[in-house]
Each structure stands twice: as structure tokens, then as C-alpha cells.
């Protein structure tokens, strides 16, 4: 890469890190390390049962000052909309407006089925749409009411701190299944696309050719395209040329290691693959 190309590439691509495995206090420490070593964002996955993502991000928020904080990702179908809205807004205020909410249907085999969560794809999509509508409505303030298929909300006069620091709301990144009109329409109405492809019912990340094929569909506005991977196996620069604006470094193989948190620290200290 020439120096001029490197400058252009640096302007359009940001670099985040998805924490593969850590308790809340460790997430706070990893966020500090990420900020100190030039990363633009740090993200946590949201389990059905385990370490609470938003408690972890709240701790990261008060220990950092610049880095972006978010989930990768949140399945709204298993969340009470008002509880999710409260958690996101609270961390957004704690961080002075540095939160990103990433959403998708989630994987049933990640514990959803074991705990009796909704696994039907169509119903999960309906629940996600209603959850996001309610969250955005609540962030706009009271009085708010909603009458949907799955949720009903009546105006409440009970005092609540519910606003977000970011106006009009926190950015929302959404999974979009390439080739599925309804899924892509949903993702393109929000603030970022997590591009996936369904192969025989199994979701995978879109490849470079597939991402290049939808560049013309992307909104003509401030809009993110999010790609996950390992820099040693994929070129972030090639993804940037295809339209990606965020590269999220992943170390899912670290989960099986004896010291996954130390592995994450080591990778963060090496810095992002600019």
C-alpha cells in the first residue's frame, strides 16, 4: 500500500475488537488497553445467560473517554424493550455518547432454545422490529404509547431518566441477509449493515464479492458497513475498498484457550491493523 493510499484508507475505516471471553471487570481493563493502543471501539457479545453485557459496558464507559462501546450483537427478540432501552441509554449517558447497539435475530443454538426463548425466525424478526420501535420511542421521551402485535405500551407519568446523550438516539447496526428483501430493508433503514448470507439455513458473513455486489444499495448518507475477521487471514484494506467502514477483529478461537483474556490483551497491545 502506498502512503497516499494508506491515508485515504485510514479516513474511511475504523477498527474495533470483539472481546471473546471476559468477566465485567476484565472488560473494563480490556477497554482501557484498547483505548491506549489506538483502537476505535470495543464490543461484547450478549449471552442468554452469563456475564451481563451492559454492566460490562457501563464499567468500560467509566474507565475510558474516547473509545466506542457496543454489543456484537444483541438479539432484541429475547429482551423486554423498555429494559433494553434503559440499559442502552444509561451506558450512553455514562460514556457521554459513545454507545452503538448492534442487533440481529441471534443464533438459537447459543442457548436460546435451552432457555425457552423464541426460536421461530419470523417471530424473532417481528419482536426485534417492535423492540427497536419502542426503544426509540422511549428515548424520545414521554408521553409515549405503542400498540403492536407483541407489545403494548401506555403513556406513563412516572418520573424516569431515559434520554440518550446521542441525538436523536444511539446508532443502531443491524444484520441484513443479502438477497432477502425484508431483511435488507430493515438493516438499511438503521445506521449500519452487518452483512450476512444464508447458506442452507446457516448464516455466514458476506464475502468480498458479495459485499461489492450490494454497494449500490447502500444509503447515500452517513452509514456503516461492519465486517468481522482476523487481520492475518483477511485484508481490512480490501474490505474498505468494498465499502466496509468498520473492521472488527475477532478471536473466537481464544475461547478454548486456557487464558482467553490474556490472549485478548496481547492482541489489543499490538494495535489495530491500519
C-alpha atoms as a PDB file:
ATOM      1  CA  UNK A   1       0.000   0.000   0.000  1.00  0.00           C
ATOM      2  CA  UNK A   2       1.389   3.420  -0.921  1.00  0.00           C
ATOM      3  CA  UNK A   3       1.490   6.192   1.624  1.00  0.00           C
ATOM      4  CA  UNK A   4      -1.274   8.138  -0.168  1.00  0.00           C
ATOM      5  CA  UNK A   5      -3.482   5.049  -0.264  1.00  0.00           C
ATOM      6  CA  UNK A   6      -2.826   4.474   3.420  1.00  0.00           C
ATOM      7  CA  UNK A   7      -4.045   7.980   4.241  1.00  0.00           C
ATOM      8  CA  UNK A   8      -7.264   7.512   2.275  1.00  0.00           C
ATOM      9  CA  UNK A   9      -7.847   4.087   3.788  1.00  0.00           C
ATOM     10  CA  UNK A  10      -7.339   5.388   7.324  1.00  0.00           C
ATOM     11  CA  UNK A  11     -10.038   8.016   6.821  1.00  0.00           C
ATOM     12  CA  UNK A  12     -12.787   5.580   5.955  1.00  0.00           C
ATOM     13  CA  UNK A  13     -12.067   2.500   8.062  1.00  0.00           C
ATOM     14  CA  UNK A  14     -12.352   2.235  11.832  1.00  0.00           C
ATOM     15  CA  UNK A  15     -11.065  -0.640  13.898  1.00  0.00           C
ATOM     16  CA  UNK A  16     -12.832  -2.406  16.737  1.00  0.00           C
ATOM     17  CA  UNK A  17     -12.204  -5.514  18.795  1.00  0.00           C
ATOM     18  CA  UNK A  18     -14.792  -8.094  19.863  1.00  0.00           C
ATOM     19  CA  UNK A  19     -13.942  -9.457  23.313  1.00  0.00           C
ATOM     20  CA  UNK A  20     -14.228 -13.253  23.046  1.00  0.00           C
ATOM     21  CA  UNK A  21     -14.460 -14.108  26.739  1.00  0.00           C
ATOM     22  CA  UNK A  22     -14.179 -11.989  29.905  1.00  0.00           C
ATOM     23  CA  UNK A  23     -15.920 -11.053  33.129  1.00  0.00           C
ATOM     24  CA  UNK A  24     -17.177  -7.500  33.640  1.00  0.00           C
ATOM     25  CA  UNK A  25     -14.092  -6.190  35.443  1.00  0.00           C
ATOM     26  CA  UNK A  26     -11.871  -7.673  32.742  1.00  0.00           C
ATOM     27  CA  UNK A  27     -13.974  -5.997  30.046  1.00  0.00           C
ATOM     28  CA  UNK A  28     -13.218  -2.683  31.746  1.00  0.00           C
ATOM     29  CA  UNK A  29      -9.491  -3.428  31.733  1.00  0.00           C
ATOM     30  CA  UNK A  30      -9.562  -4.566  28.105  1.00  0.00           C
ATOM     31  CA  UNK A  31     -11.382  -1.393  27.101  1.00  0.00           C
ATOM     32  CA  UNK A  32      -8.612   0.697  28.680  1.00  0.00           C
ATOM     33  CA  UNK A  33      -5.985  -1.333  26.820  1.00  0.00           C
ATOM     34  CA  UNK A  34      -7.883  -0.902  23.549  1.00  0.00           C
ATOM     35  CA  UNK A  35      -8.115   2.852  24.011  1.00  0.00           C
ATOM     36  CA  UNK A  36      -4.446   3.123  24.960  1.00  0.00           C
ATOM     37  CA  UNK A  37      -3.357   1.222  21.854  1.00  0.00           C
ATOM     38  CA  UNK A  38      -5.332   3.068  19.218  1.00  0.00           C
ATOM     39  CA  UNK A  39      -8.475   1.006  18.713  1.00  0.00           C
ATOM     40  CA  UNK A  40     -11.678   2.855  17.805  1.00  0.00           C
ATOM     41  CA  UNK A  41     -14.178   0.549  19.509  1.00  0.00           C
ATOM     42  CA  UNK A  42     -14.620  -2.432  21.763  1.00  0.00           C
ATOM     43  CA  UNK A  43     -17.581  -4.796  21.617  1.00  0.00           C
ATOM     44  CA  UNK A  44     -19.022  -7.618  23.720  1.00  0.00           C
ATOM     45  CA  UNK A  45     -21.400 -10.397  22.812  1.00  0.00           C
ATOM     46  CA  UNK A  46     -24.678 -10.701  24.695  1.00  0.00           C
ATOM     47  CA  UNK A  47     -25.339 -14.194  26.107  1.00  0.00           C
ATOM     48  CA  UNK A  48     -28.678 -15.623  27.146  1.00  0.00           C
ATOM     49  CA  UNK A  49     -27.114 -16.463  30.491  1.00  0.00           C
ATOM     50  CA  UNK A  50     -23.732 -15.347  31.763  1.00  0.00           C
ATOM     51  CA  UNK A  51     -21.859 -12.047  32.139  1.00  0.00           C
ATOM     52  CA  UNK A  52     -24.205  -9.093  31.676  1.00  0.00           C
ATOM     53  CA  UNK A  53     -23.146  -7.129  28.597  1.00  0.00           C
ATOM     54  CA  UNK A  54     -24.476  -3.762  29.687  1.00  0.00           C
ATOM     55  CA  UNK A  55     -22.996  -3.940  33.179  1.00  0.00           C
ATOM     56  CA  UNK A  56     -19.679  -4.731  31.487  1.00  0.00           C
ATOM     57  CA  UNK A  57     -20.026  -1.842  29.051  1.00  0.00           C
ATOM     58  CA  UNK A  58     -21.024   0.506  31.866  1.00  0.00           C
ATOM     59  CA  UNK A  59     -17.799  -0.353  33.652  1.00  0.00           C
ATOM     60  CA  UNK A  60     -15.845   0.167  30.431  1.00  0.00           C
ATOM     61  CA  UNK A  61     -17.582   3.521  29.966  1.00  0.00           C
ATOM     62  CA  UNK A  62     -16.365   4.988  33.248  1.00  0.00           C
ATOM     63  CA  UNK A  63     -12.809   3.728  32.688  1.00  0.00           C
ATOM     64  CA  UNK A  64     -12.392   5.209  29.197  1.00  0.00           C
ATOM     65  CA  UNK A  65     -13.019   8.530  27.493  1.00  0.00           C
ATOM     66  CA  UNK A  66     -12.806   8.093  23.719  1.00  0.00           C
ATOM     67  CA  UNK A  67     -13.345   4.533  22.567  1.00  0.00           C
ATOM     68  CA  UNK A  68     -16.705   3.439  21.161  1.00  0.00           C
ATOM     69  CA  UNK A  69     -18.613   0.771  23.135  1.00  0.00           C
ATOM     70  CA  UNK A  70     -21.201  -1.688  21.920  1.00  0.00           C
ATOM     71  CA  UNK A  71     -22.608  -5.171  21.587  1.00  0.00           C
ATOM     72  CA  UNK A  72     -21.883  -7.633  18.820  1.00  0.00           C
ATOM     73  CA  UNK A  73     -24.647  -8.455  18.966  1.00  0.00           C
ATOM     74  CA  UNK A  74     -27.944  -8.081  20.875  1.00  0.00           C
ATOM     75  CA  UNK A  75     -30.948 -10.283  19.908  1.00  0.00           C
ATOM     76  CA  UNK A  76     -33.905  -7.989  20.800  1.00  0.00           C
ATOM     77  CA  UNK A  77     -36.391 -10.844  20.476  1.00  0.00           C
ATOM     78  CA  UNK A  78     -35.438 -12.086  23.945  1.00  0.00           C
ATOM     79  CA  UNK A  79     -35.341  -8.656  25.604  1.00  0.00           C
ATOM     80  CA  UNK A  80     -38.052  -6.533  27.192  1.00  0.00           C
ATOM     81  CA  UNK A  81     -37.943  -3.401  25.019  1.00  0.00           C
ATOM     82  CA  UNK A  82     -38.131  -0.981  27.959  1.00  0.00           C
ATOM     83  CA  UNK A  83     -35.367  -2.812  29.832  1.00  0.00           C
ATOM     84  CA  UNK A  84     -33.069  -2.795  26.802  1.00  0.00           C
ATOM     85  CA  UNK A  85     -33.863   0.884  26.198  1.00  0.00           C
ATOM     86  CA  UNK A  86     -32.996   1.670  29.830  1.00  0.00           C
ATOM     87  CA  UNK A  87     -29.668  -0.175  29.715  1.00  0.00           C
ATOM     88  CA  UNK A  88     -28.554   1.344  26.424  1.00  0.00           C
ATOM     89  CA  UNK A  89     -29.500   4.885  27.474  1.00  0.00           C
ATOM     90  CA  UNK A  90     -27.794   4.520  30.855  1.00  0.00           C
ATOM     91  CA  UNK A  91     -24.497   3.418  29.305  1.00  0.00           C
ATOM     92  CA  UNK A  92     -24.804   6.114  26.641  1.00  0.00           C
ATOM     93  CA  UNK A  93     -25.036   8.763  29.356  1.00  0.00           C
ATOM     94  CA  UNK A  94     -22.197   7.189  31.364  1.00  0.00           C
ATOM     95  CA  UNK A  95     -19.974   7.206  28.287  1.00  0.00           C
ATOM     96  CA  UNK A  96     -21.003  10.713  27.173  1.00  0.00           C
ATOM     97  CA  UNK A  97     -22.460   9.364  23.952  1.00  0.00           C
ATOM     98  CA  UNK A  98     -20.163   6.529  22.857  1.00  0.00           C
ATOM     99  CA  UNK A  99     -22.599   3.607  22.572  1.00  0.00           C
ATOM    100  CA  UNK A 100     -23.517   1.612  19.475  1.00  0.00           C
ATOM    101  CA  UNK A 101     -26.288  -1.006  19.599  1.00  0.00           C
ATOM    102  CA  UNK A 102     -25.825  -3.936  17.210  1.00  0.00           C
ATOM    103  CA  UNK A 103     -28.866  -6.145  16.655  1.00  0.00           C
ATOM    104  CA  UNK A 104     -29.844  -9.332  14.874  1.00  0.00           C
ATOM    105  CA  UNK A 105     -32.061 -12.364  15.255  1.00  0.00           C
ATOM    106  CA  UNK A 106     -29.394 -14.265  17.191  1.00  0.00           C
ATOM    107  CA  UNK A 107     -28.478 -17.932  16.946  1.00  0.00           C
ATOM    108  CA  UNK A 108     -30.956 -20.382  18.554  1.00  0.00           C
ATOM    109  CA  UNK A 109     -28.108 -22.769  19.395  1.00  0.00           C
ATOM    110  CA  UNK A 110     -26.448 -20.092  21.564  1.00  0.00           C
ATOM    111  CA  UNK A 111     -28.686 -21.012  24.482  1.00  0.00           C
ATOM    112  CA  UNK A 112     -31.958 -19.537  23.270  1.00  0.00           C
ATOM    113  CA  UNK A 113     -33.574 -22.912  22.731  1.00  0.00           C
ATOM    114  CA  UNK A 114     -32.284 -24.289  26.043  1.00  0.00           C
ATOM    115  CA  UNK A 115     -33.892 -21.440  27.989  1.00  0.00           C
ATOM    116  CA  UNK A 116     -37.194 -21.469  26.124  1.00  0.00           C
ATOM    117  CA  UNK A 117     -36.633 -18.292  24.102  1.00  0.00           C
ATOM    118  CA  UNK A 118     -38.481 -17.761  20.830  1.00  0.00           C
ATOM    119  CA  UNK A 119     -36.646 -19.584  18.046  1.00  0.00           C
ATOM    120  CA  UNK A 120     -39.036 -19.141  15.119  1.00  0.00           C
ATOM    121  CA  UNK A 121     -37.259 -16.853  12.654  1.00  0.00           C
ATOM    122  CA  UNK A 122     -40.325 -14.862  11.581  1.00  0.00           C
ATOM    123  CA  UNK A 123     -41.448 -14.244  15.157  1.00  0.00           C
ATOM    124  CA  UNK A 124     -37.955 -13.189  16.230  1.00  0.00           C
ATOM    125  CA  UNK A 125     -37.947 -10.665  13.388  1.00  0.00           C
ATOM    126  CA  UNK A 126     -41.321  -9.283  14.477  1.00  0.00           C
ATOM    127  CA  UNK A 127     -40.165  -9.000  18.081  1.00  0.00           C
ATOM    128  CA  UNK A 128     -36.960  -7.247  17.014  1.00  0.00           C
ATOM    129  CA  UNK A 129     -38.820  -4.682  14.920  1.00  0.00           C
ATOM    130  CA  UNK A 130     -41.243  -3.864  17.717  1.00  0.00           C
ATOM    131  CA  UNK A 131     -38.490  -3.763  20.346  1.00  0.00           C
ATOM    132  CA  UNK A 132     -36.485  -1.215  18.349  1.00  0.00           C
ATOM    133  CA  UNK A 133     -39.551   0.923  17.645  1.00  0.00           C
ATOM    134  CA  UNK A 134     -40.374   1.019  21.347  1.00  0.00           C
ATOM    135  CA  UNK A 135     -36.793   1.745  22.413  1.00  0.00           C
ATOM    136  CA  UNK A 136     -36.534   4.661  20.007  1.00  0.00           C
ATOM    137  CA  UNK A 137     -39.915   5.948  21.129  1.00  0.00           C
ATOM    138  CA  UNK A 138     -38.951   5.827  24.789  1.00  0.00           C
ATOM    139  CA  UNK A 139     -35.651   7.621  24.117  1.00  0.00           C
ATOM    140  CA  UNK A 140     -37.677  10.444  22.599  1.00  0.00           C
ATOM    141  CA  UNK A 141     -39.411  10.909  25.957  1.00  0.00           C
ATOM    142  CA  UNK A 142     -42.874  10.710  27.442  1.00  0.00           C
ATOM    143  CA  UNK A 143     -45.714  10.610  26.707  1.00  0.00           C
ATOM    144  CA  UNK A 144     -45.163   7.519  24.578  1.00  0.00           C
ATOM    145  CA  UNK A 145     -47.591   4.799  23.612  1.00  0.00           C
ATOM    146  CA  UNK A 146     -47.386   1.780  21.376  1.00  0.00           C
ATOM    147  CA  UNK A 147     -49.860  -0.805  20.177  1.00  0.00           C
ATOM    148  CA  UNK A 148     -48.176  -3.667  18.383  1.00  0.00           C
ATOM    149  CA  UNK A 149     -48.724  -7.342  17.760  1.00  0.00           C
ATOM    150  CA  UNK A 150     -46.455  -8.410  20.619  1.00  0.00           C
ATOM    151  CA  UNK A 151     -46.122  -5.336  22.866  1.00  0.00           C
ATOM    152  CA  UNK A 152     -48.404  -2.621  24.156  1.00  0.00           C
ATOM    153  CA  UNK A 153     -47.182   0.493  25.970  1.00  0.00           C
ATOM    154  CA  UNK A 154     -49.375   3.137  27.572  1.00  0.00           C
ATOM    155  CA  UNK A 155     -48.191   6.645  28.462  1.00  0.00           C
ATOM    156  CA  UNK A 156     -46.678   6.825  31.921  1.00  0.00           C
ATOM    157  CA  UNK A 157     -46.300   9.848  34.179  1.00  0.00           C
ATOM    158  CA  UNK A 158     -43.868   8.055  36.465  1.00  0.00           C
ATOM    159  CA  UNK A 159     -40.603  10.067  36.541  1.00  0.00           C
ATOM    160  CA  UNK A 160     -37.711   8.414  34.705  1.00  0.00           C
ATOM    161  CA  UNK A 161     -34.278   9.311  33.388  1.00  0.00           C
ATOM    162  CA  UNK A 162     -34.408   7.761  29.944  1.00  0.00           C
ATOM    163  CA  UNK A 163     -32.791  10.096  27.435  1.00  0.00           C
ATOM    164  CA  UNK A 164     -29.667   9.286  25.437  1.00  0.00           C
ATOM    165  CA  UNK A 165     -26.707  11.624  25.119  1.00  0.00           C
ATOM    166  CA  UNK A 166     -26.556  10.986  21.377  1.00  0.00           C
ATOM    167  CA  UNK A 167     -29.279  12.793  19.467  1.00  0.00           C
ATOM    168  CA  UNK A 168     -31.719  11.711  18.223  1.00  0.00           C
ATOM    169  CA  UNK A 169     -30.629   8.270  19.536  1.00  0.00           C
ATOM    170  CA  UNK A 170     -27.731   5.839  19.686  1.00  0.00           C
ATOM    171  CA  UNK A 171     -26.591   4.390  16.341  1.00  0.00           C
ATOM    172  CA  UNK A 172     -28.121   1.003  15.547  1.00  0.00           C
ATOM    173  CA  UNK A 173     -26.281  -1.566  13.428  1.00  0.00           C
ATOM    174  CA  UNK A 174     -28.450  -4.364  12.083  1.00  0.00           C
ATOM    175  CA  UNK A 175     -27.831  -7.727  10.468  1.00  0.00           C
ATOM    176  CA  UNK A 176     -29.026  -7.827   6.877  1.00  0.00           C
ATOM    177  CA  UNK A 177     -29.345 -11.095   4.946  1.00  0.00           C
ATOM    178  CA  UNK A 178     -28.217 -10.474   1.375  1.00  0.00           C
ATOM    179  CA  UNK A 179     -30.855 -11.471  -1.136  1.00  0.00           C
ATOM    180  CA  UNK A 180     -33.701 -11.219   1.380  1.00  0.00           C
ATOM    181  CA  UNK A 181     -35.613  -8.024   0.656  1.00  0.00           C
ATOM    182  CA  UNK A 182     -37.310  -7.636   4.038  1.00  0.00           C
ATOM    183  CA  UNK A 183     -34.119  -8.296   5.997  1.00  0.00           C
ATOM    184  CA  UNK A 184     -32.087  -5.855   3.891  1.00  0.00           C
ATOM    185  CA  UNK A 185     -34.803  -3.203   4.027  1.00  0.00           C
ATOM    186  CA  UNK A 186     -34.753  -3.440   7.818  1.00  0.00           C
ATOM    187  CA  UNK A 187     -30.967  -3.106   8.031  1.00  0.00           C
ATOM    188  CA  UNK A 188     -30.759  -0.239   5.546  1.00  0.00           C
ATOM    189  CA  UNK A 189     -33.252   1.867   7.498  1.00  0.00           C
ATOM    190  CA  UNK A 190     -30.938   1.986  10.514  1.00  0.00           C
ATOM    191  CA  UNK A 191     -27.340   3.193  10.791  1.00  0.00           C
ATOM    192  CA  UNK A 192     -25.206   0.247   9.804  1.00  0.00           C
ATOM    193  CA  UNK A 193     -25.259  -3.085   7.998  1.00  0.00           C
ATOM    194  CA  UNK A 194     -23.806  -6.333   9.327  1.00  0.00           C
ATOM    195  CA  UNK A 195     -23.908  -8.258   6.026  1.00  0.00           C
ATOM    196  CA  UNK A 196     -24.723 -11.951   6.205  1.00  0.00           C
ATOM    197  CA  UNK A 197     -25.586 -14.683   3.749  1.00  0.00           C
ATOM    198  CA  UNK A 198     -27.852 -17.638   4.476  1.00  0.00           C
ATOM    199  CA  UNK A 199     -26.478 -20.929   3.168  1.00  0.00           C
ATOM    200  CA  UNK A 200     -28.871 -23.845   3.738  1.00  0.00           C
ATOM    201  CA  UNK A 201     -30.304 -22.049   6.772  1.00  0.00           C
ATOM    202  CA  UNK A 202     -26.894 -21.288   8.279  1.00  0.00           C
ATOM    203  CA  UNK A 203     -25.749 -17.672   8.455  1.00  0.00           C
ATOM    204  CA  UNK A 204     -22.244 -16.607   7.480  1.00  0.00           C
ATOM    205  CA  UNK A 205     -20.595 -13.279   6.810  1.00  0.00           C
ATOM    206  CA  UNK A 206     -20.796 -11.997   3.258  1.00  0.00           C
ATOM    207  CA  UNK A 207     -17.562 -12.362   1.285  1.00  0.00           C
ATOM    208  CA  UNK A 208     -15.809  -9.602  -0.641  1.00  0.00           C
ATOM    209  CA  UNK A 209     -17.521 -10.373  -3.928  1.00  0.00           C
ATOM    210  CA  UNK A 210     -20.952 -10.422  -2.278  1.00  0.00           C
ATOM    211  CA  UNK A 211     -20.320  -7.146  -0.466  1.00  0.00           C
ATOM    212  CA  UNK A 212     -19.130  -5.492  -3.672  1.00  0.00           C
ATOM    213  CA  UNK A 213     -22.348  -6.661  -5.289  1.00  0.00           C
ATOM    214  CA  UNK A 214     -24.538  -4.561  -2.965  1.00  0.00           C
ATOM    215  CA  UNK A 215     -22.502  -1.341  -2.867  1.00  0.00           C
ATOM    216  CA  UNK A 216     -25.110   0.435  -4.999  1.00  0.00           C
ATOM    217  CA  UNK A 217     -27.822  -0.452  -2.477  1.00  0.00           C
ATOM    218  CA  UNK A 218     -26.134   1.315   0.439  1.00  0.00           C
ATOM    219  CA  UNK A 219     -27.788   4.554   1.617  1.00  0.00           C
ATOM    220  CA  UNK A 220     -26.374   7.837   0.359  1.00  0.00           C
ATOM    221  CA  UNK A 221     -25.812   9.132   3.882  1.00  0.00           C
ATOM    222  CA  UNK A 222     -23.624   8.529   6.912  1.00  0.00           C
ATOM    223  CA  UNK A 223     -23.908   4.745   7.066  1.00  0.00           C
ATOM    224  CA  UNK A 224     -21.646   1.987   8.387  1.00  0.00           C
ATOM    225  CA  UNK A 225     -20.831  -1.439   6.987  1.00  0.00           C
ATOM    226  CA  UNK A 226     -19.351  -3.780   9.589  1.00  0.00           C
ATOM    227  CA  UNK A 227     -17.025  -6.695   8.883  1.00  0.00           C
ATOM    228  CA  UNK A 228     -15.577  -9.180  11.368  1.00  0.00           C
ATOM    229  CA  UNK A 229     -12.421 -11.185  10.912  1.00  0.00           C
ATOM    230  CA  UNK A 230      -8.801 -11.874  11.768  1.00  0.00           C
ATOM    231  CA  UNK A 231      -6.385  -9.473  10.084  1.00  0.00           C
ATOM    232  CA  UNK A 232      -3.813 -12.193   9.450  1.00  0.00           C
ATOM    233  CA  UNK A 233      -6.365 -14.075   7.334  1.00  0.00           C
ATOM    234  CA  UNK A 234      -8.182 -11.185   5.641  1.00  0.00           C
ATOM    235  CA  UNK A 235      -7.160  -7.776   4.370  1.00  0.00           C
ATOM    236  CA  UNK A 236      -9.052  -4.909   6.048  1.00  0.00           C
ATOM    237  CA  UNK A 237      -7.954  -2.691   3.139  1.00  0.00           C
ATOM    238  CA  UNK A 238      -9.736  -4.934   0.631  1.00  0.00           C
ATOM    239  CA  UNK A 239     -12.896  -4.773   2.721  1.00  0.00           C
ATOM    240  CA  UNK A 240     -12.623  -0.975   2.836  1.00  0.00           C
ATOM    241  CA  UNK A 241     -12.480  -0.907  -0.963  1.00  0.00           C
ATOM    242  CA  UNK A 242     -15.685  -2.966  -0.969  1.00  0.00           C
ATOM    243  CA  UNK A 243     -17.456  -0.374   1.195  1.00  0.00           C
ATOM    244  CA  UNK A 244     -16.799  -1.533   4.767  1.00  0.00           C
ATOM    245  CA  UNK A 245     -16.340   1.242   7.334  1.00  0.00           C
ATOM    246  CA  UNK A 246     -15.635  -0.872  10.448  1.00  0.00           C
ATOM    247  CA  UNK A 247     -13.252  -3.800  10.807  1.00  0.00           C
ATOM    248  CA  UNK A 248     -13.944  -5.784  13.980  1.00  0.00           C
ATOM    249  CA  UNK A 249     -11.069  -8.028  14.974  1.00  0.00           C
ATOM    250  CA  UNK A 250     -12.286 -11.349  16.384  1.00  0.00           C
ATOM    251  CA  UNK A 251     -10.501 -14.058  18.330  1.00  0.00           C
ATOM    252  CA  UNK A 252     -13.174 -16.680  18.776  1.00  0.00           C
ATOM    253  CA  UNK A 253     -10.555 -19.435  18.965  1.00  0.00           C
ATOM    254  CA  UNK A 254      -9.324 -17.794  22.198  1.00  0.00           C
ATOM    255  CA  UNK A 255     -12.436 -19.055  23.996  1.00  0.00           C
ATOM    256  CA  UNK A 256     -10.975 -22.533  24.010  1.00  0.00           C
ATOM    257  CA  UNK A 257      -7.613 -21.381  25.302  1.00  0.00           C
ATOM    258  CA  UNK A 258      -6.519 -21.553  28.929  1.00  0.00           C
ATOM    259  CA  UNK A 259      -6.147 -17.762  29.134  1.00  0.00           C
ATOM    260  CA  UNK A 260      -8.548 -16.081  26.674  1.00  0.00           C
ATOM    261  CA  UNK A 261      -8.352 -12.727  28.469  1.00  0.00           C
ATOM    262  CA  UNK A 262      -4.557 -12.667  28.224  1.00  0.00           C
ATOM    263  CA  UNK A 263      -4.833 -13.543  24.526  1.00  0.00           C
ATOM    264  CA  UNK A 264      -7.149 -10.562  24.065  1.00  0.00           C
ATOM    265  CA  UNK A 265      -4.730  -8.272  25.907  1.00  0.00           C
ATOM    266  CA  UNK A 266      -1.865  -9.437  23.691  1.00  0.00           C
ATOM    267  CA  UNK A 267      -3.831  -8.719  20.513  1.00  0.00           C
ATOM    268  CA  UNK A 268      -5.014  -5.306  21.710  1.00  0.00           C
ATOM    269  CA  UNK A 269      -1.471  -4.250  22.587  1.00  0.00           C
ATOM    270  CA  UNK A 270      -0.383  -4.987  19.020  1.00  0.00           C
ATOM    271  CA  UNK A 271      -2.810  -2.295  17.873  1.00  0.00           C
ATOM    272  CA  UNK A 272      -5.303  -2.248  15.002  1.00  0.00           C
ATOM    273  CA  UNK A 273      -4.257  -3.419  11.508  1.00  0.00           C
ATOM    274  CA  UNK A 274      -4.136   0.022   9.896  1.00  0.00           C
END
